[in-house]
N, C-alpha and C. Protein backbone atom coordinates (compact mmCIF):
# COMPACT_ATOMS: atom_id res chain seq x y z
N MET A 1 2.88 -16.45 13.16
CA MET A 1 3.75 -15.76 12.06
C MET A 1 4.40 -14.69 12.63
N LYS A 2 5.61 -14.41 11.96
CA LYS A 2 6.13 -13.30 12.35
C LYS A 2 5.38 -11.85 12.44
N PRO A 3 5.71 -10.96 13.20
CA PRO A 3 5.11 -9.52 13.25
C PRO A 3 5.15 -8.86 11.83
N ALA A 4 6.23 -8.96 11.25
CA ALA A 4 6.37 -8.21 9.89
C ALA A 4 5.58 -8.89 8.90
N THR A 5 5.20 -10.43 8.80
CA THR A 5 4.12 -10.85 7.80
C THR A 5 2.88 -10.41 8.36
N ALA A 6 2.46 -10.45 9.57
CA ALA A 6 1.34 -10.05 10.06
C ALA A 6 0.85 -8.46 9.53
N ALA A 7 1.90 -7.81 9.83
CA ALA A 7 1.75 -6.27 9.63
C ALA A 7 1.41 -6.05 8.07
N LYS A 8 2.27 -6.87 7.33
CA LYS A 8 2.09 -6.81 5.59
C LYS A 8 0.63 -7.23 5.45
N LYS A 9 0.22 -8.20 5.94
CA LYS A 9 -1.17 -8.66 5.79
C LYS A 9 -2.33 -7.87 6.02
N LEU A 10 -2.02 -7.10 7.21
CA LEU A 10 -3.05 -6.17 7.96
C LEU A 10 -2.85 -4.90 7.02
N GLY A 11 -1.72 -4.56 6.33
CA GLY A 11 -1.61 -3.35 5.55
C GLY A 11 -1.15 -2.01 6.49
N VAL A 12 -0.40 -2.42 7.48
CA VAL A 12 0.00 -1.43 8.31
C VAL A 12 1.63 -1.42 8.55
N TYR A 13 2.28 -0.36 8.99
CA TYR A 13 3.53 -0.01 9.05
C TYR A 13 4.08 -0.66 10.47
N LEU A 14 4.73 -1.81 10.36
CA LEU A 14 5.14 -2.48 11.72
C LEU A 14 5.82 -1.49 12.72
N GLU A 15 6.49 -0.72 12.34
CA GLU A 15 7.21 0.33 13.37
C GLU A 15 6.27 1.01 14.18
N ALA A 16 5.12 1.00 13.75
CA ALA A 16 3.90 1.86 14.35
C ALA A 16 3.02 1.27 15.06
N THR A 17 3.16 -0.04 14.84
CA THR A 17 2.37 -0.94 15.65
C THR A 17 2.68 -1.00 17.10
N PRO A 18 2.00 -1.43 18.22
CA PRO A 18 2.32 -1.63 19.69
C PRO A 18 3.60 -2.53 19.86
N ALA A 19 4.18 -2.24 20.93
CA ALA A 19 5.30 -3.19 21.20
C ALA A 19 4.86 -4.62 21.38
N ASP A 20 3.72 -4.70 21.94
CA ASP A 20 3.60 -6.30 22.24
C ASP A 20 3.20 -7.18 20.83
N PHE A 21 2.73 -6.31 19.75
CA PHE A 21 2.60 -6.83 18.42
C PHE A 21 3.83 -7.14 17.81
N GLN A 22 4.70 -6.21 18.00
CA GLN A 22 5.94 -6.19 17.39
C GLN A 22 6.73 -7.25 17.87
N GLU A 23 6.70 -7.52 19.19
CA GLU A 23 7.61 -8.67 20.05
C GLU A 23 7.05 -9.98 20.12
N GLY A 24 5.91 -10.22 19.65
CA GLY A 24 5.26 -11.32 19.82
C GLY A 24 5.08 -12.20 18.37
N VAL A 25 4.51 -13.16 18.62
CA VAL A 25 4.22 -14.26 17.29
C VAL A 25 2.73 -14.23 17.09
N ILE A 26 2.16 -13.94 16.04
CA ILE A 26 0.78 -13.80 15.72
C ILE A 26 0.12 -15.19 15.22
N SER A 27 -0.86 -15.84 15.65
CA SER A 27 -1.27 -17.01 15.11
C SER A 27 -2.18 -16.59 14.02
N ARG A 28 -2.62 -17.63 13.30
CA ARG A 28 -3.54 -17.23 12.24
C ARG A 28 -5.11 -16.86 12.89
N ALA A 29 -5.35 -17.69 13.82
CA ALA A 29 -6.65 -17.09 14.59
C ALA A 29 -6.43 -15.71 15.08
N GLU A 30 -5.50 -15.30 15.52
CA GLU A 30 -5.23 -13.90 16.02
C GLU A 30 -5.36 -13.10 14.96
N LEU A 31 -4.53 -13.29 13.82
CA LEU A 31 -4.58 -12.50 12.62
C LEU A 31 -6.12 -12.30 12.06
N ASN A 32 -6.92 -13.34 12.02
CA ASN A 32 -8.11 -13.34 11.64
C ASN A 32 -9.06 -12.44 12.50
N ALA A 33 -8.79 -12.63 13.83
CA ALA A 33 -9.48 -11.66 14.72
C ALA A 33 -9.25 -10.35 14.53
N LEU A 34 -7.80 -10.03 14.37
CA LEU A 34 -7.45 -8.67 14.08
C LEU A 34 -8.27 -7.98 12.63
N GLN A 35 -8.47 -8.98 11.81
CA GLN A 35 -9.09 -8.41 10.31
C GLN A 35 -10.66 -8.25 10.77
N THR A 36 -11.14 -9.13 11.39
CA THR A 36 -12.55 -9.09 11.56
C THR A 36 -13.13 -8.04 12.34
N ASP A 37 -12.39 -7.97 13.77
CA ASP A 37 -12.74 -7.09 14.68
C ASP A 37 -11.38 -6.11 15.11
N PRO A 38 -10.97 -5.18 14.21
CA PRO A 38 -9.81 -4.71 14.79
C PRO A 38 -10.03 -3.72 15.67
N PRO A 39 -8.81 -3.68 16.57
CA PRO A 39 -8.74 -2.97 17.75
C PRO A 39 -8.54 -1.51 17.49
N GLN A 40 -8.83 -0.55 18.40
CA GLN A 40 -8.75 0.79 18.27
C GLN A 40 -7.33 1.36 17.38
N TRP A 41 -6.18 0.63 17.84
CA TRP A 41 -4.87 0.98 17.41
C TRP A 41 -4.68 0.70 16.01
N LEU A 42 -5.37 -0.51 15.60
CA LEU A 42 -5.37 -0.91 14.25
C LEU A 42 -6.12 -0.02 13.35
N ARG A 43 -7.20 0.27 13.74
CA ARG A 43 -8.14 1.13 13.14
C ARG A 43 -7.60 2.75 12.67
N ASP A 44 -6.93 3.11 13.85
CA ASP A 44 -6.28 4.33 13.93
C ASP A 44 -5.08 4.36 13.02
N LEU A 45 -4.29 3.19 12.62
CA LEU A 45 -3.11 3.16 12.07
C LEU A 45 -3.67 3.08 10.50
N ARG A 46 -4.89 2.52 10.43
CA ARG A 46 -5.20 2.15 8.99
C ARG A 46 -5.63 3.57 8.55
N ARG A 47 -6.36 4.32 9.35
CA ARG A 47 -7.02 5.67 8.87
C ARG A 47 -5.95 6.71 8.78
N ASP A 48 -5.00 6.70 9.89
CA ASP A 48 -4.02 8.05 9.85
C ASP A 48 -2.56 7.55 9.46
N GLY A 49 -2.03 6.40 9.57
CA GLY A 49 -0.91 5.96 9.24
C GLY A 49 0.00 6.15 10.55
N PRO A 50 1.23 6.11 10.40
CA PRO A 50 2.08 6.06 9.05
C PRO A 50 1.56 4.62 8.28
N HIS A 51 1.75 4.74 7.01
CA HIS A 51 1.36 3.78 5.94
C HIS A 51 2.63 3.09 5.36
N PRO A 52 2.98 1.71 5.19
CA PRO A 52 3.76 1.27 4.42
C PRO A 52 3.78 1.76 2.99
N ARG A 53 4.94 1.60 2.25
CA ARG A 53 5.14 2.03 1.02
C ARG A 53 4.10 1.43 0.08
N PRO A 54 3.59 0.29 0.10
CA PRO A 54 2.69 -0.25 -0.85
C PRO A 54 1.51 0.52 -0.57
N VAL A 55 0.86 0.63 0.61
CA VAL A 55 -0.30 1.68 0.82
C VAL A 55 -0.23 2.87 0.44
N VAL A 56 1.13 3.54 0.54
CA VAL A 56 1.16 4.78 0.30
C VAL A 56 1.26 5.24 -1.48
N ALA A 57 1.96 3.81 -2.09
CA ALA A 57 2.02 3.86 -3.58
C ALA A 57 0.35 4.03 -4.17
N ALA A 58 -0.22 2.93 -3.45
CA ALA A 58 -1.88 2.96 -3.82
C ALA A 58 -2.55 4.06 -3.67
N LYS A 59 -2.46 4.88 -2.63
CA LYS A 59 -3.32 6.00 -2.44
C LYS A 59 -2.77 7.02 -3.20
N LEU A 60 -1.48 7.06 -3.62
CA LEU A 60 -1.03 8.14 -4.64
C LEU A 60 -1.39 7.65 -6.10
N GLY A 61 -1.64 6.46 -6.11
CA GLY A 61 -1.78 5.72 -7.64
C GLY A 61 -0.55 5.79 -8.56
N VAL A 62 0.37 5.37 -7.90
CA VAL A 62 1.85 5.03 -8.45
C VAL A 62 2.24 3.90 -8.00
N SER A 63 3.43 3.37 -8.53
CA SER A 63 4.02 2.03 -8.17
C SER A 63 5.11 2.37 -7.15
N ILE A 64 5.37 1.28 -6.51
CA ILE A 64 6.43 1.49 -5.25
C ILE A 64 7.84 1.85 -5.90
N SER A 65 8.07 1.55 -7.03
CA SER A 65 9.23 2.16 -7.77
C SER A 65 9.14 3.51 -8.09
N GLY A 66 7.98 3.83 -8.52
CA GLY A 66 7.67 5.29 -8.77
C GLY A 66 7.81 6.21 -7.72
N LEU A 67 7.45 5.58 -6.38
CA LEU A 67 7.80 6.36 -5.01
C LEU A 67 9.22 6.45 -4.95
N ALA A 68 9.78 5.58 -4.99
CA ALA A 68 11.42 5.64 -4.85
C ALA A 68 12.11 6.52 -5.97
N ARG A 69 11.41 6.89 -7.19
CA ARG A 69 12.11 7.52 -8.03
C ARG A 69 11.61 9.02 -7.56
N GLY A 70 10.62 9.11 -6.95
CA GLY A 70 10.20 10.43 -6.35
C GLY A 70 10.79 10.84 -5.37
N GLY A 71 11.57 10.04 -4.58
CA GLY A 71 12.43 10.34 -3.39
C GLY A 71 11.63 9.93 -2.13
N VAL A 72 10.58 9.02 -2.13
CA VAL A 72 9.56 8.93 -1.15
C VAL A 72 10.20 7.25 -0.78
N THR A 73 10.87 7.22 0.45
CA THR A 73 11.63 6.10 0.72
C THR A 73 10.87 5.80 2.31
N ASP A 74 10.23 6.65 3.05
CA ASP A 74 9.75 6.36 4.22
C ASP A 74 8.21 6.35 4.21
N ALA A 75 7.78 5.34 5.24
CA ALA A 75 6.32 5.52 5.44
C ALA A 75 5.55 6.93 5.62
N LEU A 76 4.60 7.20 5.16
CA LEU A 76 4.02 8.62 5.23
C LEU A 76 2.64 8.35 5.92
N THR A 77 2.09 9.38 6.55
CA THR A 77 0.94 9.71 7.36
C THR A 77 -0.13 9.94 6.22
N THR A 78 -1.46 9.73 6.41
CA THR A 78 -2.54 10.08 5.61
C THR A 78 -2.42 11.61 5.38
N GLU A 79 -2.16 12.44 6.22
CA GLU A 79 -2.03 13.90 6.17
C GLU A 79 -0.81 14.34 5.22
N GLN A 80 0.36 13.56 5.22
CA GLN A 80 1.26 13.79 4.06
C GLN A 80 0.81 13.34 2.89
N ILE A 81 0.16 12.26 2.67
CA ILE A 81 -0.15 11.84 1.68
C ILE A 81 -1.06 12.86 0.85
N GLU A 82 -2.00 13.40 1.76
CA GLU A 82 -2.96 14.23 1.18
C GLU A 82 -2.40 15.60 0.76
N ALA A 83 -1.28 16.01 1.57
CA ALA A 83 -0.38 17.11 1.29
C ALA A 83 0.30 16.96 -0.27
N LEU A 84 0.76 15.74 -0.38
CA LEU A 84 1.66 15.40 -1.61
C LEU A 84 0.47 15.65 -3.05
N LYS A 85 -0.73 15.00 -2.66
CA LYS A 85 -1.84 15.08 -3.47
C LYS A 85 -2.25 16.48 -4.04
N THR A 86 -2.17 17.36 -3.05
CA THR A 86 -2.56 18.74 -3.25
C THR A 86 -1.33 19.47 -3.85
N GLU A 87 0.01 19.34 -3.43
CA GLU A 87 0.97 19.90 -4.04
C GLU A 87 1.22 19.35 -5.55
N ASP A 88 0.89 18.18 -5.68
CA ASP A 88 0.91 17.51 -7.02
C ASP A 88 2.27 17.93 -7.66
N PRO A 89 3.34 17.46 -7.15
CA PRO A 89 4.77 17.76 -7.61
C PRO A 89 4.78 16.97 -9.06
N GLY A 90 5.93 17.44 -9.99
CA GLY A 90 6.03 16.95 -11.31
C GLY A 90 6.46 15.37 -11.44
N TRP A 91 6.98 14.99 -10.32
CA TRP A 91 7.42 13.32 -10.36
C TRP A 91 6.08 12.56 -10.19
N LEU A 92 5.24 13.32 -9.15
CA LEU A 92 3.86 12.53 -9.11
C LEU A 92 3.11 12.49 -10.21
N ARG A 93 2.97 13.63 -10.96
CA ARG A 93 2.36 13.64 -12.32
C ARG A 93 2.78 12.72 -13.26
N ARG A 94 4.19 12.68 -13.26
CA ARG A 94 4.83 11.63 -14.29
C ARG A 94 4.46 10.20 -13.94
N GLU A 95 4.75 9.79 -12.58
CA GLU A 95 4.41 8.54 -12.07
C GLU A 95 2.95 8.06 -12.34
N ARG A 96 2.07 8.93 -12.31
CA ARG A 96 0.71 8.43 -12.43
C ARG A 96 0.37 8.26 -13.84
N ALA A 97 1.02 9.24 -14.86
CA ALA A 97 0.81 8.96 -16.22
C ALA A 97 1.60 7.73 -16.45
N THR A 98 2.85 7.51 -16.04
CA THR A 98 3.50 6.02 -16.21
C THR A 98 2.52 4.97 -15.89
N GLN A 99 1.86 4.97 -14.74
CA GLN A 99 0.98 4.01 -14.17
C GLN A 99 -0.15 3.62 -14.85
N ALA A 100 -0.70 4.87 -15.32
CA ALA A 100 -2.04 4.74 -16.36
C ALA A 100 -1.71 3.99 -17.57
N GLU A 101 -0.44 4.36 -18.35
CA GLU A 101 0.12 3.47 -19.44
C GLU A 101 0.31 2.16 -19.11
N VAL A 102 0.80 1.66 -17.97
CA VAL A 102 1.03 0.49 -17.67
C VAL A 102 -0.39 -0.38 -17.57
N ARG A 103 -1.08 0.35 -16.78
CA ARG A 103 -2.47 -0.31 -16.71
C ARG A 103 -3.40 -0.50 -17.95
N LYS A 104 -3.44 0.57 -19.04
CA LYS A 104 -3.76 0.36 -20.35
C LYS A 104 -3.13 -0.60 -21.12
N GLU A 105 -1.91 -0.94 -20.92
CA GLU A 105 -1.09 -1.90 -21.67
C GLU A 105 -1.38 -3.37 -21.14
N SER A 106 -1.71 -3.49 -20.05
CA SER A 106 -2.05 -4.67 -19.27
C SER A 106 -3.32 -5.16 -19.83
N VAL A 107 -4.29 -4.17 -20.07
CA VAL A 107 -5.70 -4.37 -20.48
C VAL A 107 -5.53 -4.72 -21.81
N ARG A 108 -4.89 -4.09 -22.70
CA ARG A 108 -4.49 -4.42 -24.18
C ARG A 108 -4.10 -5.99 -24.21
N LEU A 109 -3.03 -6.20 -23.44
CA LEU A 109 -2.49 -7.59 -23.56
C LEU A 109 -3.79 -8.57 -23.10
N LYS A 110 -4.34 -8.34 -22.07
CA LYS A 110 -5.28 -9.51 -21.66
C LYS A 110 -6.43 -9.36 -22.88
N GLU A 111 -6.85 -8.56 -23.28
CA GLU A 111 -7.79 -8.56 -24.50
C GLU A 111 -7.29 -9.27 -25.67
N LYS A 112 -5.98 -8.87 -26.06
CA LYS A 112 -5.30 -9.75 -26.95
C LYS A 112 -5.24 -10.95 -26.87
N GLN A 113 -4.91 -11.59 -25.64
CA GLN A 113 -4.87 -12.94 -25.35
C GLN A 113 -6.31 -13.44 -25.24
N ARG A 114 -7.25 -12.81 -24.98
CA ARG A 114 -8.61 -13.44 -25.05
C ARG A 114 -9.12 -13.64 -26.14
N GLU A 115 -8.66 -12.70 -27.20
CA GLU A 115 -9.00 -13.03 -28.59
C GLU A 115 -8.29 -14.12 -29.24
N GLY A 116 -7.14 -14.30 -28.75
CA GLY A 116 -6.29 -15.49 -29.37
C GLY A 116 -6.92 -16.76 -28.68
N ASP A 117 -7.34 -16.81 -27.30
CA ASP A 117 -7.82 -17.97 -27.06
C ASP A 117 -9.16 -18.57 -27.53
N GLU A 118 -9.98 -17.41 -28.00
CA GLU A 118 -11.11 -17.52 -28.81
C GLU A 118 -11.10 -18.24 -30.29
N SER A 119 -10.07 -18.05 -31.03
CA SER A 119 -10.00 -18.36 -32.14
C SER A 119 -9.14 -19.76 -32.27
């Protein structure tokens, strides 16, 4: 598979991976080995970043679109994510509230569908 696909499956930012990872082709067996016994570079990336936007969004509790609305378009390190959490800017509070409403609505719809299936 392409390095970009492998990086996505591993939850890491491709540009922060070693050059041999970025330039090679990763087999399914190699991907499985990276997942089960990650090398130090992969453990470091997962812990410290920089993290891709889906990981940043999850750590902040917002959607990827919410990140964009907040002006966050680049990968962030764990330190930068923690600084944002501490700073708690208005856009982050709004996006977290929006995400909470989306989750609530999703649960409500699932419950409604389940009730409809039971009748």
